Every structure is written in structure tokens, then in C-alpha cells.
Amino acid sequence: MFFSTSCKICKIIRIFLLSVFLLILLALIQKDKLHYLKFITPENAAYFILVAGILITIFKIFEYFKNKKN
């Protein structure tokens, strides 16, 4: 029932909301053990997003030139 729709955007939104709910639940249940996640800061998240974007861009450019030769 959760994934019964064929709409891709609806599935993505549902997965996102489920993830947020699970994170909130984890934060409420495991308050004393969350010190392991201190390295997750907005700055580190931004670095991760930038590096992931650069790697994906490089891969897409490589794929484009590989397909252009054929």
C-alpha cells in the first residue's frame, strides 16, 4: 500500500517523509547515544553534497564523451 502508486515523485516524497520520521524517532529514543553523530554538521553535509556533485558531473562528462565516440 505504501508504494502502490506509479507516480515517481510521490514515491520519493513518501520515502523522504519516512526517513525524516525515522530520524526523529531515533533522536527521541537514543538521546544518550547520539554523540557518535557529532561529525554530521551543516558544513560537512555541504562538503559531501559538493563532492558528490563534482563526482557525478565528472562521470556524466566521461559518459558523454564515451558515447560521442561511438
PDB file of N, CA and C in Angstrom:
ATOM      1  N   MET A   1       0.818  -1.188   0.000  1.00  0.00           N
ATOM      2  CA  MET A   1       0.000   0.000   0.000  1.00  0.00           C
ATOM      3  C   MET A   1       0.861   1.251   0.000  1.00  0.00           C
ATOM      4  N   PHE A   2       2.017   1.193   0.658  1.00  0.00           N
ATOM      5  CA  PHE A   2       2.872   2.369   0.761  1.00  0.00           C
ATOM      6  C   PHE A   2       3.426   2.778  -0.595  1.00  0.00           C
ATOM      7  N   PHE A   3       3.770   1.805  -1.426  1.00  0.00           N
ATOM      8  CA  PHE A   3       4.339   2.091  -2.743  1.00  0.00           C
ATOM      9  C   PHE A   3       3.396   1.671  -3.861  1.00  0.00           C
ATOM     10  N   SER A   4       2.102   1.739  -3.633  1.00  0.00           N
ATOM     11  CA  SER A   4       1.146   1.268  -4.627  1.00  0.00           C
ATOM     12  C   SER A   4       0.969   2.229  -5.799  1.00  0.00           C
ATOM     13  N   THR A   5       1.370   3.481  -5.648  1.00  0.00           N
ATOM     14  CA  THR A   5       1.204   4.443  -6.722  1.00  0.00           C
ATOM     15  C   THR A   5       2.325   4.293  -7.751  1.00  0.00           C
ATOM     16  N   SER A   6       2.044   4.682  -8.965  1.00  0.00           N
ATOM     17  CA  SER A   6       3.060   4.598 -10.006  1.00  0.00           C
ATOM     18  C   SER A   6       3.774   5.934 -10.190  1.00  0.00           C
ATOM     19  N   CYS A   7       3.388   6.950  -9.454  1.00  0.00           N
ATOM     20  CA  CYS A   7       3.978   8.281  -9.567  1.00  0.00           C
ATOM     21  C   CYS A   7       5.344   8.292  -8.887  1.00  0.00           C
ATOM     22  N   LYS A   8       6.373   8.600  -9.649  1.00  0.00           N
ATOM     23  CA  LYS A   8       7.734   8.570  -9.125  1.00  0.00           C
ATOM     24  C   LYS A   8       7.942   9.650  -8.067  1.00  0.00           C
ATOM     25  N   ILE A   9       7.391  10.833  -8.297  1.00  0.00           N
ATOM     26  CA  ILE A   9       7.553  11.935  -7.345  1.00  0.00           C
ATOM     27  C   ILE A   9       6.867  11.591  -6.028  1.00  0.00           C
ATOM     28  N   CYS A  10       5.717  10.964  -6.095  1.00  0.00           N
ATOM     29  CA  CYS A  10       5.003  10.570  -4.875  1.00  0.00           C
ATOM     30  C   CYS A  10       5.833   9.574  -4.065  1.00  0.00           C
ATOM     31  N   LYS A  11       6.465   8.631  -4.740  1.00  0.00           N
ATOM     32  CA  LYS A  11       7.302   7.656  -4.046  1.00  0.00           C
ATOM     33  C   LYS A  11       8.479   8.344  -3.368  1.00  0.00           C
ATOM     34  N   ILE A  12       9.114   9.291  -4.058  1.00  0.00           N
ATOM     35  CA  ILE A  12      10.262   9.999  -3.493  1.00  0.00           C
ATOM     36  C   ILE A  12       9.837  10.791  -2.264  1.00  0.00           C
ATOM     37  N   ILE A  13       8.706  11.461  -2.342  1.00  0.00           N
ATOM     38  CA  ILE A  13       8.215  12.235  -1.197  1.00  0.00           C
ATOM     39  C   ILE A  13       7.905  11.315  -0.023  1.00  0.00           C
ATOM     40  N   ARG A  14       7.302  10.185  -0.285  1.00  0.00           N
ATOM     41  CA  ARG A  14       6.987   9.245   0.788  1.00  0.00           C
ATOM     42  C   ARG A  14       8.235   8.695   1.445  1.00  0.00           C
ATOM     43  N   ILE A  15       9.235   8.346   0.648  1.00  0.00           N
ATOM     44  CA  ILE A  15      10.484   7.847   1.212  1.00  0.00           C
ATOM     45  C   ILE A  15      11.159   8.924   2.045  1.00  0.00           C
ATOM     46  N   PHE A  16      11.147  10.162   1.572  1.00  0.00           N
ATOM     47  CA  PHE A  16      11.735  11.262   2.323  1.00  0.00           C
ATOM     48  C   PHE A  16      11.025  11.449   3.657  1.00  0.00           C
ATOM     49  N   LEU A  17       9.704  11.463   3.639  1.00  0.00           N
ATOM     50  CA  LEU A  17       8.948  11.648   4.878  1.00  0.00           C
ATOM     51  C   LEU A  17       9.173  10.496   5.845  1.00  0.00           C
ATOM     52  N   LEU A  18       9.259   9.288   5.339  1.00  0.00           N
ATOM     53  CA  LEU A  18       9.549   8.139   6.189  1.00  0.00           C
ATOM     54  C   LEU A  18      10.940   8.264   6.805  1.00  0.00           C
ATOM     55  N   SER A  19      11.911   8.726   6.033  1.00  0.00           N
ATOM     56  CA  SER A  19      13.271   8.907   6.541  1.00  0.00           C
ATOM     57  C   SER A  19      13.306   9.953   7.646  1.00  0.00           C
ATOM     58  N   VAL A  20      12.626  11.060   7.439  1.00  0.00           N
ATOM     59  CA  VAL A  20      12.577  12.113   8.462  1.00  0.00           C
ATOM     60  C   VAL A  20      11.901  11.591   9.726  1.00  0.00           C
ATOM     61  N   PHE A  21      10.826  10.864   9.566  1.00  0.00           N
ATOM     62  CA  PHE A  21      10.136  10.290  10.721  1.00  0.00           C
ATOM     63  C   PHE A  21      11.054   9.349  11.491  1.00  0.00           C
ATOM     64  N   LEU A  22      11.795   8.507  10.791  1.00  0.00           N
ATOM     65  CA  LEU A  22      12.698   7.577  11.462  1.00  0.00           C
ATOM     66  C   LEU A  22      13.839   8.301  12.162  1.00  0.00           C
ATOM     67  N   LEU A  23      14.343   9.396  11.575  1.00  0.00           N
ATOM     68  CA  LEU A  23      15.377  10.182  12.233  1.00  0.00           C
ATOM     69  C   LEU A  23      14.860  10.833  13.510  1.00  0.00           C
ATOM     70  N   ILE A  24      13.641  11.348  13.462  1.00  0.00           N
ATOM     71  CA  ILE A  24      13.042  11.951  14.660  1.00  0.00           C
ATOM     72  C   ILE A  24      12.829  10.887  15.730  1.00  0.00           C
ATOM     73  N   LEU A  25      12.363   9.742  15.320  1.00  0.00           N
ATOM     74  CA  LEU A  25      12.162   8.644  16.260  1.00  0.00           C
ATOM     75  C   LEU A  25      13.487   8.213  16.868  1.00  0.00           C
ATOM     76  N   LEU A  26      14.518   8.118  16.080  1.00  0.00           N
ATOM     77  CA  LEU A  26      15.851   7.760  16.579  1.00  0.00           C
ATOM     78  C   LEU A  26      16.348   8.794  17.578  1.00  0.00           C
ATOM     79  N   ALA A  27      16.147  10.061  17.275  1.00  0.00           N
ATOM     80  CA  ALA A  27      16.587  11.129  18.177  1.00  0.00           C
ATOM     81  C   ALA A  27      15.850  11.070  19.505  1.00  0.00           C
ATOM     82  N   LEU A  28      14.584  10.714  19.488  1.00  0.00           N
ATOM     83  CA  LEU A  28      13.815  10.638  20.731  1.00  0.00           C
ATOM     84  C   LEU A  28      14.185   9.419  21.564  1.00  0.00           C
ATOM     85  N   ILE A  29      14.481   8.324  20.904  1.00  0.00           N
ATOM     86  CA  ILE A  29      14.762   7.078  21.618  1.00  0.00           C
ATOM     87  C   ILE A  29      16.213   7.002  22.097  1.00  0.00           C
ATOM     88  N   GLN A  30      17.145   7.406  21.285  1.00  0.00           N
ATOM     89  CA  GLN A  30      18.566   7.215  21.566  1.00  0.00           C
ATOM     90  C   GLN A  30      19.280   8.520  21.928  1.00  0.00           C
ATOM     91  N   LYS A  31      18.748   9.302  22.813  1.00  0.00           N
ATOM     92  CA  LYS A  31      19.340  10.596  23.147  1.00  0.00           C
ATOM     93  C   LYS A  31      20.760  10.468  23.682  1.00  0.00           C
ATOM     94  N   ASP A  32      21.023   9.494  24.515  1.00  0.00           N
ATOM     95  CA  ASP A  32      22.336   9.377  25.135  1.00  0.00           C
ATOM     96  C   ASP A  32      23.392   8.785  24.206  1.00  0.00           C
ATOM     97  N   LYS A  33      22.988   8.152  23.136  1.00  0.00           N
ATOM     98  CA  LYS A  33      23.952   7.511  22.231  1.00  0.00           C
ATOM     99  C   LYS A  33      24.175   8.278  20.936  1.00  0.00           C
ATOM    100  N   LEU A  34      23.641   9.473  20.817  1.00  0.00           N
ATOM    101  CA  LEU A  34      23.769  10.239  19.584  1.00  0.00           C
ATOM    102  C   LEU A  34      25.078  11.020  19.501  1.00  0.00           C
ATOM    103  N   HIS A  35      25.955  10.894  20.493  1.00  0.00           N
ATOM    104  CA  HIS A  35      27.229  11.608  20.418  1.00  0.00           C
ATOM    105  C   HIS A  35      28.110  11.066  19.294  1.00  0.00           C
ATOM    106  N   TYR A  36      27.801   9.883  18.778  1.00  0.00           N
ATOM    107  CA  TYR A  36      28.544   9.326  17.640  1.00  0.00           C
ATOM    108  C   TYR A  36      28.292  10.131  16.361  1.00  0.00           C
ATOM    109  N   LEU A  37      27.198  10.854  16.306  1.00  0.00           N
ATOM    110  CA  LEU A  37      26.824  11.590  15.100  1.00  0.00           C
ATOM    111  C   LEU A  37      27.241  13.059  15.145  1.00  0.00           C
ATOM    112  N   LYS A  38      28.145  13.420  16.049  1.00  0.00           N
ATOM    113  CA  LYS A  38      28.566  14.825  16.170  1.00  0.00           C
ATOM    114  C   LYS A  38      29.291  15.329  14.926  1.00  0.00           C
ATOM    115  N   PHE A  39      29.898  14.425  14.157  1.00  0.00           N
ATOM    116  CA  PHE A  39      30.634  14.852  12.971  1.00  0.00           C
ATOM    117  C   PHE A  39      29.700  15.311  11.851  1.00  0.00           C
ATOM    118  N   ILE A  40      28.420  15.019  11.957  1.00  0.00           N
ATOM    119  CA  ILE A  40      27.461  15.462  10.941  1.00  0.00           C
ATOM    120  C   ILE A  40      27.051  16.894  11.269  1.00  0.00           C
ATOM    121  N   THR A  41      27.676  17.821  10.590  1.00  0.00           N
ATOM    122  CA  THR A  41      27.380  19.237  10.770  1.00  0.00           C
ATOM    123  C   THR A  41      26.910  19.788   9.427  1.00  0.00           C
ATOM    124  N   PRO A  42      26.309  20.962   9.411  1.00  0.00           N
ATOM    125  CA  PRO A  42      25.902  21.550   8.130  1.00  0.00           C
ATOM    126  C   PRO A  42      27.084  21.751   7.181  1.00  0.00           C
ATOM    127  N   GLU A  43      28.243  22.092   7.733  1.00  0.00           N
ATOM    128  CA  GLU A  43      29.419  22.285   6.890  1.00  0.00           C
ATOM    129  C   GLU A  43      29.865  20.965   6.255  1.00  0.00           C
ATOM    130  N   ASN A  44      29.880  19.888   7.036  1.00  0.00           N
ATOM    131  CA  ASN A  44      30.257  18.585   6.482  1.00  0.00           C
ATOM    132  C   ASN A  44      29.235  18.099   5.459  1.00  0.00           C
ATOM    133  N   ALA A  45      27.981  18.358   5.702  1.00  0.00           N
ATOM    134  CA  ALA A  45      26.938  17.976   4.744  1.00  0.00           C
ATOM    135  C   ALA A  45      27.117  18.746   3.439  1.00  0.00           C
ATOM    136  N   ALA A  46      27.450  20.031   3.542  1.00  0.00           N
ATOM    137  CA  ALA A  46      27.685  20.833   2.336  1.00  0.00           C
ATOM    138  C   ALA A  46      28.883  20.308   1.559  1.00  0.00           C
ATOM    139  N   TYR A  47      29.956  19.956   2.264  1.00  0.00           N
ATOM    140  CA  TYR A  47      31.125  19.377   1.591  1.00  0.00           C
ATOM    141  C   TYR A  47      30.764  18.079   0.879  1.00  0.00           C
ATOM    142  N   PHE A  48      29.980  17.243   1.540  1.00  0.00           N
ATOM    143  CA  PHE A  48      29.572  15.978   0.945  1.00  0.00           C
ATOM    144  C   PHE A  48      28.758  16.215  -0.326  1.00  0.00           C
ATOM    145  N   ILE A  49      27.823  17.155  -0.266  1.00  0.00           N
ATOM    146  CA  ILE A  49      26.991  17.449  -1.436  1.00  0.00           C
ATOM    147  C   ILE A  49      27.834  17.992  -2.580  1.00  0.00           C
ATOM    148  N   LEU A  50      28.782  18.870  -2.270  1.00  0.00           N
ATOM    149  CA  LEU A  50      29.657  19.411  -3.315  1.00  0.00           C
ATOM    150  C   LEU A  50      30.520  18.328  -3.952  1.00  0.00           C
ATOM    151  N   VAL A  51      31.125  17.498  -3.137  1.00  0.00           N
ATOM    152  CA  VAL A  51      31.985  16.426  -3.669  1.00  0.00           C
ATOM    153  C   VAL A  51      31.158  15.442  -4.497  1.00  0.00           C
ATOM    154  N   ALA A  52      29.986  15.074  -3.997  1.00  0.00           N
ATOM    155  CA  ALA A  52      29.127  14.151  -4.742  1.00  0.00           C
ATOM    156  C   ALA A  52      28.710  14.773  -6.076  1.00  0.00           C
ATOM    157  N   GLY A  53      28.376  16.054  -6.084  1.00  0.00           N
ATOM    158  CA  GLY A  53      28.001  16.732  -7.323  1.00  0.00           C
ATOM    159  C   GLY A  53      29.138  16.794  -8.322  1.00  0.00           C
ATOM    160  N   ILE A  54      30.341  17.077  -7.833  1.00  0.00           N
ATOM    161  CA  ILE A  54      31.513  17.120  -8.718  1.00  0.00           C
ATOM    162  C   ILE A  54      31.791  15.747  -9.311  1.00  0.00           C
ATOM    163  N   LEU A  55      31.715  14.698  -8.477  1.00  0.00           N
ATOM    164  CA  LEU A  55      31.962  13.344  -8.975  1.00  0.00           C
ATOM    165  C   LEU A  55      30.912  12.917 -10.004  1.00  0.00           C
ATOM    166  N   ILE A  56      29.664  13.245  -9.754  1.00  0.00           N
ATOM    167  CA  ILE A  56      28.611  12.902 -10.707  1.00  0.00           C
ATOM    168  C   ILE A  56      28.804  13.659 -12.013  1.00  0.00           C
ATOM    169  N   THR A  57      29.196  14.936 -11.922  1.00  0.00           N
ATOM    170  CA  THR A  57      29.441  15.731 -13.127  1.00  0.00           C
ATOM    171  C   THR A  57      30.585  15.152 -13.940  1.00  0.00           C
ATOM    172  N   ILE A  58      31.666  14.786 -13.272  1.00  0.00           N
ATOM    173  CA  ILE A  58      32.807  14.184 -13.973  1.00  0.00           C
ATOM    174  C   ILE A  58      32.385  12.885 -14.640  1.00  0.00           C
ATOM    175  N   PHE A  59      31.617  12.065 -13.931  1.00  0.00           N
ATOM    176  CA  PHE A  59      31.154  10.808 -14.502  1.00  0.00           C
ATOM    177  C   PHE A  59      30.266  11.049 -15.715  1.00  0.00           C
ATOM    178  N   LYS A  60      29.355  12.023 -15.632  1.00  0.00           N
ATOM    179  CA  LYS A  60      28.464  12.319 -16.757  1.00  0.00           C
ATOM    180  C   LYS A  60      29.235  12.842 -17.967  1.00  0.00           C
ATOM    181  N   ILE A  61      30.253  13.684 -17.731  1.00  0.00           N
ATOM    182  CA  ILE A  61      31.076  14.189 -18.836  1.00  0.00           C
ATOM    183  C   ILE A  61      31.845  13.034 -19.480  1.00  0.00           C
ATOM    184  N   PHE A  62      32.416  12.162 -18.654  1.00  0.00           N
ATOM    185  CA  PHE A  62      33.125  10.998 -19.167  1.00  0.00           C
ATOM    186  C   PHE A  62      32.186  10.124 -19.992  1.00  0.00           C
ATOM    187  N   GLU A  63      30.983   9.889 -19.490  1.00  0.00           N
ATOM    188  CA  GLU A  63      29.990   9.088 -20.204  1.00  0.00           C
ATOM    189  C   GLU A  63      29.596   9.741 -21.526  1.00  0.00           C
ATOM    190  N   TYR A  64      29.460  11.062 -21.536  1.00  0.00           N
ATOM    191  CA  TYR A  64      29.092  11.802 -22.749  1.00  0.00           C
ATOM    192  C   TYR A  64      30.160  11.631 -23.839  1.00  0.00           C
ATOM    193  N   PHE A  65      31.418  11.811 -23.464  1.00  0.00           N
ATOM    194  CA  PHE A  65      32.482  11.666 -24.455  1.00  0.00           C
ATOM    195  C   PHE A  65      32.658  10.219 -24.896  1.00  0.00           C
ATOM    196  N   LYS A  66      32.395   9.278 -24.013  1.00  0.00           N
ATOM    197  CA  LYS A  66      32.472   7.862 -24.372  1.00  0.00           C
ATOM    198  C   LYS A  66      31.400   7.517 -25.388  1.00  0.00           C
ATOM    199  N   ASN A  67      30.185   8.025 -25.197  1.00  0.00           N
ATOM    200  CA  ASN A  67      29.102   7.765 -26.142  1.00  0.00           C
ATOM    201  C   ASN A  67      29.246   8.563 -27.421  1.00  0.00           C
ATOM    202  N   LYS A  68      29.903   9.699 -27.366  1.00  0.00           N
ATOM    203  CA  LYS A  68      30.093  10.535 -28.553  1.00  0.00           C
ATOM    204  C   LYS A  68      31.031   9.867 -29.545  1.00  0.00           C
ATOM    205  N   LYS A  69      32.007   9.099 -29.054  1.00  0.00           N
ATOM    206  CA  LYS A  69      32.945   8.411 -29.940  1.00  0.00           C
ATOM    207  C   LYS A  69      32.258   7.306 -30.729  1.00  0.00           C
ATOM    208  N   ASN A  70      31.233   6.715 -30.160  1.00  0.00           N
ATOM    209  CA  ASN A  70      30.533   5.603 -30.829  1.00  0.00           C
ATOM    210  C   ASN A  70      29.588   6.145 -31.820  1.00  0.00           C
TER     211      ASN A  70
END
